[in-house]
Structures are given as C-alpha cells and as structure tokens.
PDB file of N, CA and C in Angstrom:
ATOM      1  N   UNK A   1     -12.407   7.691  19.488  1.00  0.00           N
ATOM      2  CA  UNK A   1     -11.956   7.019  18.284  1.00  0.00           C
ATOM      3  C   UNK A   1     -10.647   6.280  18.583  1.00  0.00           C
ATOM      4  N   UNK A   2     -10.572   5.093  18.089  1.00  0.00           N
ATOM      5  CA  UNK A   2      -9.402   4.274  18.350  1.00  0.00           C
ATOM      6  C   UNK A   2      -8.268   4.665  17.403  1.00  0.00           C
ATOM      7  N   UNK A   3      -7.137   5.046  17.964  1.00  0.00           N
ATOM      8  CA  UNK A   3      -6.009   5.528  17.172  1.00  0.00           C
ATOM      9  C   UNK A   3      -5.375   4.417  16.335  1.00  0.00           C
ATOM     10  N   UNK A   4      -5.343   3.188  16.861  1.00  0.00           N
ATOM     11  CA  UNK A   4      -4.765   2.079  16.105  1.00  0.00           C
ATOM     12  C   UNK A   4      -5.589   1.771  14.854  1.00  0.00           C
ATOM     13  N   UNK A   5      -6.900   1.820  14.975  1.00  0.00           N
ATOM     14  CA  UNK A   5      -7.758   1.565  13.813  1.00  0.00           C
ATOM     15  C   UNK A   5      -7.589   2.659  12.770  1.00  0.00           C
ATOM     16  N   UNK A   6      -7.468   3.889  13.220  1.00  0.00           N
ATOM     17  CA  UNK A   6      -7.256   5.002  12.294  1.00  0.00           C
ATOM     18  C   UNK A   6      -5.931   4.845  11.560  1.00  0.00           C
ATOM     19  N   UNK A   7      -4.877   4.504  12.282  1.00  0.00           N
ATOM     20  CA  UNK A   7      -3.567   4.314  11.677  1.00  0.00           C
ATOM     21  C   UNK A   7      -3.573   3.119  10.727  1.00  0.00           C
ATOM     22  N   UNK A   8      -4.290   2.061  11.076  1.00  0.00           N
ATOM     23  CA  UNK A   8      -4.420   0.907  10.193  1.00  0.00           C
ATOM     24  C   UNK A   8      -5.139   1.263   8.901  1.00  0.00           C
ATOM     25  N   UNK A   9      -6.184   2.064   9.016  1.00  0.00           N
ATOM     26  CA  UNK A   9      -6.885   2.516   7.809  1.00  0.00           C
ATOM     27  C   UNK A   9      -6.015   3.391   6.939  1.00  0.00           C
ATOM     28  N   UNK A  10      -5.230   4.243   7.571  1.00  0.00           N
ATOM     29  CA  UNK A  10      -4.314   5.110   6.826  1.00  0.00           C
ATOM     30  C   UNK A  10      -3.245   4.289   6.098  1.00  0.00           C
ATOM     31  N   UNK A  11      -2.698   3.288   6.774  1.00  0.00           N
ATOM     32  CA  UNK A  11      -1.715   2.412   6.134  1.00  0.00           C
ATOM     33  C   UNK A  11      -2.334   1.645   4.969  1.00  0.00           C
ATOM     34  N   UNK A  12      -3.570   1.198   5.136  1.00  0.00           N
ATOM     35  CA  UNK A  12      -4.242   0.474   4.070  1.00  0.00           C
ATOM     36  C   UNK A  12      -4.442   1.362   2.852  1.00  0.00           C
ATOM     37  N   UNK A  13      -4.861   2.593   3.064  1.00  0.00           N
ATOM     38  CA  UNK A  13      -5.062   3.525   1.957  1.00  0.00           C
ATOM     39  C   UNK A  13      -3.738   3.838   1.265  1.00  0.00           C
ATOM     40  N   UNK A  14      -2.679   4.038   2.045  1.00  0.00           N
ATOM     41  CA  UNK A  14      -1.367   4.271   1.446  1.00  0.00           C
ATOM     42  C   UNK A  14      -0.895   3.066   0.636  1.00  0.00           C
ATOM     43  N   UNK A  15      -1.181   1.875   1.113  1.00  0.00           N
ATOM     44  CA  UNK A  15      -0.822   0.671   0.378  1.00  0.00           C
ATOM     45  C   UNK A  15      -1.569   0.557  -0.938  1.00  0.00           C
ATOM     46  N   UNK A  16      -2.853   0.885  -0.917  1.00  0.00           N
ATOM     47  CA  UNK A  16      -3.639   0.848  -2.151  1.00  0.00           C
ATOM     48  C   UNK A  16      -3.121   1.867  -3.146  1.00  0.00           C
ATOM     49  N   UNK A  17      -2.794   3.063  -2.666  1.00  0.00           N
ATOM     50  CA  UNK A  17      -2.254   4.100  -3.549  1.00  0.00           C
ATOM     51  C   UNK A  17      -0.917   3.658  -4.139  1.00  0.00           C
ATOM     52  N   UNK A  18      -0.080   3.046  -3.329  1.00  0.00           N
ATOM     53  CA  UNK A  18       1.207   2.559  -3.821  1.00  0.00           C
ATOM     54  C   UNK A  18       1.057   1.475  -4.868  1.00  0.00           C
ATOM     55  N   UNK A  19       0.103   0.568  -4.667  1.00  0.00           N
ATOM     56  CA  UNK A  19      -0.120  -0.489  -5.651  1.00  0.00           C
ATOM     57  C   UNK A  19      -0.704   0.057  -6.949  1.00  0.00           C
ATOM     58  N   UNK A  20      -1.589   1.029  -6.843  1.00  0.00           N
ATOM     59  CA  UNK A  20      -2.146   1.646  -8.054  1.00  0.00           C
ATOM     60  C   UNK A  20      -1.059   2.402  -8.805  1.00  0.00           C
ATOM     61  N   UNK A  21      -0.193   3.101  -8.079  1.00  0.00           N
ATOM     62  CA  UNK A  21       0.904   3.828  -8.728  1.00  0.00           C
ATOM     63  C   UNK A  21       1.856   2.860  -9.418  1.00  0.00           C
ATOM     64  N   UNK A  22       2.104   1.712  -8.791  1.00  0.00           N
ATOM     65  CA  UNK A  22       2.941   0.692  -9.408  1.00  0.00           C
ATOM     66  C   UNK A  22       2.323   0.196 -10.709  1.00  0.00           C
ATOM     67  N   UNK A  23       1.016  -0.029 -10.692  1.00  0.00           N
ATOM     68  CA  UNK A  23       0.343  -0.498 -11.899  1.00  0.00           C
ATOM     69  C   UNK A  23       0.395   0.550 -13.003  1.00  0.00           C
ATOM     70  N   UNK A  24       0.254   1.830 -12.637  1.00  0.00           N
ATOM     71  CA  UNK A  24       0.326   2.899 -13.633  1.00  0.00           C
ATOM     72  C   UNK A  24       1.723   2.983 -14.227  1.00  0.00           C
ATOM     73  N   UNK A  25       2.742   2.880 -13.388  1.00  0.00           N
ATOM     74  CA  UNK A  25       4.117   2.894 -13.892  1.00  0.00           C
ATOM     75  C   UNK A  25       4.386   1.701 -14.808  1.00  0.00           C
ATOM     76  N   UNK A  26       3.894   0.549 -14.420  1.00  0.00           N
ATOM     77  CA  UNK A  26       4.145  -0.662 -15.200  1.00  0.00           C
ATOM     78  C   UNK A  26       3.412  -0.628 -16.542  1.00  0.00           C
ATOM     79  N   UNK A  27       2.177  -0.156 -16.540  1.00  0.00           N
ATOM     80  CA  UNK A  27       1.381  -0.171 -17.763  1.00  0.00           C
ATOM     81  C   UNK A  27       1.703   1.001 -18.683  1.00  0.00           C
ATOM     82  N   UNK A  28       2.151   2.105 -18.124  1.00  0.00           N
ATOM     83  CA  UNK A  28       2.348   3.297 -18.926  1.00  0.00           C
ATOM     84  C   UNK A  28       3.672   3.389 -19.639  1.00  0.00           C
ATOM     85  N   UNK A  29       4.641   2.627 -19.230  1.00  0.00           N
ATOM     86  CA  UNK A  29       5.976   2.742 -19.817  1.00  0.00           C
ATOM     87  C   UNK A  29       6.158   1.733 -20.937  1.00  0.00           C
ATOM     88  N   UNK A  30       6.947   2.110 -21.897  1.00  0.00           N
ATOM     89  CA  UNK A  30       7.275   1.168 -22.968  1.00  0.00           C
ATOM     90  C   UNK A  30       8.402   0.248 -22.499  1.00  0.00           C
ATOM     91  N   UNK A  31       8.744  -0.706 -23.315  1.00  0.00           N
ATOM     92  CA  UNK A  31       9.743  -1.703 -22.915  1.00  0.00           C
ATOM     93  C   UNK A  31      11.126  -1.091 -22.738  1.00  0.00           C
ATOM     94  N   UNK A  32      11.449  -0.073 -23.518  1.00  0.00           N
ATOM     95  CA  UNK A  32      12.779   0.531 -23.417  1.00  0.00           C
ATOM     96  C   UNK A  32      12.912   1.447 -22.210  1.00  0.00           C
ATOM     97  N   UNK A  33      11.828   2.126 -21.840  1.00  0.00           N
ATOM     98  CA  UNK A  33      11.928   3.141 -20.792  1.00  0.00           C
ATOM     99  C   UNK A  33      11.420   2.667 -19.440  1.00  0.00           C
ATOM    100  N   UNK A  34      11.035   1.418 -19.322  1.00  0.00           N
ATOM    101  CA  UNK A  34      10.495   0.929 -18.059  1.00  0.00           C
ATOM    102  C   UNK A  34      11.607   0.858 -17.019  1.00  0.00           C
ATOM    103  N   UNK A  35      11.388   1.508 -15.890  1.00  0.00           N
ATOM    104  CA  UNK A  35      12.368   1.496 -14.804  1.00  0.00           C
ATOM    105  C   UNK A  35      11.963   0.411 -13.807  1.00  0.00           C
ATOM    106  N   UNK A  36      12.592  -0.728 -13.927  1.00  0.00           N
ATOM    107  CA  UNK A  36      12.224  -1.899 -13.133  1.00  0.00           C
ATOM    108  C   UNK A  36      12.449  -1.664 -11.647  1.00  0.00           C
ATOM    109  N   UNK A  37      13.515  -0.936 -11.303  1.00  0.00           N
ATOM    110  CA  UNK A  37      13.828  -0.714  -9.892  1.00  0.00           C
ATOM    111  C   UNK A  37      12.715   0.055  -9.178  1.00  0.00           C
ATOM    112  N   UNK A  38      12.196   1.106  -9.793  1.00  0.00           N
ATOM    113  CA  UNK A  38      11.141   1.890  -9.142  1.00  0.00           C
ATOM    114  C   UNK A  38       9.834   1.098  -9.072  1.00  0.00           C
ATOM    115  N   UNK A  39       9.545   0.295 -10.083  1.00  0.00           N
ATOM    116  CA  UNK A  39       8.332  -0.530 -10.051  1.00  0.00           C
ATOM    117  C   UNK A  39       8.412  -1.534  -8.902  1.00  0.00           C
ATOM    118  N   UNK A  40       9.573  -2.156  -8.726  1.00  0.00           N
ATOM    119  CA  UNK A  40       9.736  -3.133  -7.648  1.00  0.00           C
ATOM    120  C   UNK A  40       9.644  -2.457  -6.284  1.00  0.00           C
ATOM    121  N   UNK A  41      10.291  -1.310  -6.119  1.00  0.00           N
ATOM    122  CA  UNK A  41      10.281  -0.611  -4.826  1.00  0.00           C
ATOM    123  C   UNK A  41       8.877  -0.167  -4.457  1.00  0.00           C
ATOM    124  N   UNK A  42       8.167   0.485  -5.389  1.00  0.00           N
ATOM    125  CA  UNK A  42       6.801   0.938  -5.086  1.00  0.00           C
ATOM    126  C   UNK A  42       5.857  -0.238  -4.861  1.00  0.00           C
ATOM    127  N   UNK A  43       6.056  -1.323  -5.587  1.00  0.00           N
ATOM    128  CA  UNK A  43       5.218  -2.497  -5.399  1.00  0.00           C
ATOM    129  C   UNK A  43       5.417  -3.137  -4.040  1.00  0.00           C
ATOM    130  N   UNK A  44       6.665  -3.282  -3.622  1.00  0.00           N
ATOM    131  CA  UNK A  44       6.946  -3.884  -2.313  1.00  0.00           C
ATOM    132  C   UNK A  44       6.427  -3.004  -1.184  1.00  0.00           C
ATOM    133  N   UNK A  45       6.656  -1.696  -1.294  1.00  0.00           N
ATOM    134  CA  UNK A  45       6.144  -0.788  -0.258  1.00  0.00           C
ATOM    135  C   UNK A  45       4.620  -0.805  -0.207  1.00  0.00           C
ATOM    136  N   UNK A  46       3.978  -0.858  -1.352  1.00  0.00           N
ATOM    137  CA  UNK A  46       2.518  -0.922  -1.385  1.00  0.00           C
ATOM    138  C   UNK A  46       1.992  -2.180  -0.732  1.00  0.00           C
ATOM    139  N   UNK A  47       2.627  -3.311  -1.016  1.00  0.00           N
ATOM    140  CA  UNK A  47       2.195  -4.579  -0.421  1.00  0.00           C
ATOM    141  C   UNK A  47       2.417  -4.576   1.092  1.00  0.00           C
ATOM    142  N   UNK A  48       3.563  -4.055   1.533  1.00  0.00           N
ATOM    143  CA  UNK A  48       3.859  -4.017   2.972  1.00  0.00           C
ATOM    144  C   UNK A  48       2.865  -3.113   3.704  1.00  0.00           C
ATOM    145  N   UNK A  49       2.621  -1.918   3.176  1.00  0.00           N
ATOM    146  CA  UNK A  49       1.673  -1.007   3.822  1.00  0.00           C
ATOM    147  C   UNK A  49       0.273  -1.590   3.833  1.00  0.00           C
ATOM    148  N   UNK A  50      -0.146  -2.179   2.723  1.00  0.00           N
ATOM    149  CA  UNK A  50      -1.491  -2.734   2.639  1.00  0.00           C
ATOM    150  C   UNK A  50      -1.689  -3.876   3.628  1.00  0.00           C
ATOM    151  N   UNK A  51      -0.757  -4.825   3.663  1.00  0.00           N
ATOM    152  CA  UNK A  51      -0.924  -5.962   4.564  1.00  0.00           C
ATOM    153  C   UNK A  51      -0.806  -5.556   6.035  1.00  0.00           C
ATOM    154  N   UNK A  52       0.092  -4.634   6.353  1.00  0.00           N
ATOM    155  CA  UNK A  52       0.199  -4.212   7.752  1.00  0.00           C
ATOM    156  C   UNK A  52      -1.029  -3.418   8.179  1.00  0.00           C
ATOM    157  N   UNK A  53      -1.581  -2.623   7.286  1.00  0.00           N
ATOM    158  CA  UNK A  53      -2.797  -1.876   7.622  1.00  0.00           C
ATOM    159  C   UNK A  53      -3.982  -2.787   7.839  1.00  0.00           C
ATOM    160  N   UNK A  54      -4.162  -3.759   6.960  1.00  0.00           N
ATOM    161  CA  UNK A  54      -5.266  -4.714   7.120  1.00  0.00           C
ATOM    162  C   UNK A  54      -5.095  -5.511   8.410  1.00  0.00           C
ATOM    163  N   UNK A  55      -3.881  -5.928   8.698  1.00  0.00           N
ATOM    164  CA  UNK A  55      -3.611  -6.687   9.912  1.00  0.00           C
ATOM    165  C   UNK A  55      -3.898  -5.861  11.161  1.00  0.00           C
ATOM    166  N   UNK A  56      -3.517  -4.591  11.131  1.00  0.00           N
ATOM    167  CA  UNK A  56      -3.749  -3.727  12.293  1.00  0.00           C
ATOM    168  C   UNK A  56      -5.234  -3.482  12.515  1.00  0.00           C
ATOM    169  N   UNK A  57      -5.994  -3.312  11.452  1.00  0.00           N
ATOM    170  CA  UNK A  57      -7.432  -3.107  11.597  1.00  0.00           C
ATOM    171  C   UNK A  57      -8.103  -4.383  12.110  1.00  0.00           C
ATOM    172  N   UNK A  58      -7.680  -5.540  11.613  1.00  0.00           N
ATOM    173  CA  UNK A  58      -8.290  -6.801  12.018  1.00  0.00           C
ATOM    174  C   UNK A  58      -8.034  -7.149  13.476  1.00  0.00           C
ATOM    175  N   UNK A  59      -6.826  -6.909  13.961  1.00  0.00           N
ATOM    176  CA  UNK A  59      -6.467  -7.360  15.306  1.00  0.00           C
ATOM    177  C   UNK A  59      -6.842  -6.370  16.407  1.00  0.00           C
ATOM    178  N   UNK A  60      -7.210  -5.158  16.048  1.00  0.00           N
ATOM    179  CA  UNK A  60      -7.565  -4.167  17.058  1.00  0.00           C
ATOM    180  C   UNK A  60      -9.001  -4.376  17.503  1.00  0.00           C
ATOM    181  N   UNK A  61      -9.191  -4.500  18.803  1.00  0.00           N
ATOM    182  CA  UNK A  61     -10.525  -4.700  19.370  1.00  0.00           C
ATOM    183  C   UNK A  61     -11.275  -3.363  19.412  1.00  0.00           C
ATOM    184  N   UNK A  62     -12.584  -3.438  19.235  1.00  0.00           N
ATOM    185  CA  UNK A  62     -13.429  -2.246  19.345  1.00  0.00           C
ATOM    186  C   UNK A  62     -13.744  -2.021  20.822  1.00  0.00           C
ATOM    187  N   UNK A  63     -13.373  -0.861  21.357  1.00  0.00           N
ATOM    188  CA  UNK A  63     -13.569  -0.586  22.781  1.00  0.00           C
ATOM    189  C   UNK A  63     -14.605   0.498  23.020  1.00  0.00           C
ATOM    190  N   UNK A  64     -15.564   0.654  22.128  1.00  0.00           N
ATOM    191  CA  UNK A  64     -16.556   1.715  22.324  1.00  0.00           C
ATOM    192  C   UNK A  64     -17.747   1.276  23.107  1.00  0.00           C
TER     193      UNK A  64
END
C-alpha cells in the first residue's frame, strides 16, 4: 500500500470534516453569538487540508 496515497486520503477526509464543522458552526449560531474567528480558522484549515490531500492523491503514481 502506498503511504503517500493513504496520507492524502486522510488529509482529504480531515478537510471534509473541517469544512462540515465550519458549516455547522456558521449555520447553528445566531447573529449575536456567532464566533467569526473560529469559523474563519476552521474554514481555512479545512480548505488547506482538503486541497493538499486531493493534490497528494492526484500526483502520486500507482506503483503496484
């Protein structure tokens, strides 16, 4: 099993989870209690993990 592909898949899953958590935080809070800083941080981390995971899976050659 290729370790880079596994790590890329793991990063992609973490990115998806981060983006879903960001959406839950954004949709679940009212206007007064919305914490913009945490929404921005989780959103940026989710996007970074997702794009790096997809990139790692795409560029890794299959050597089986």
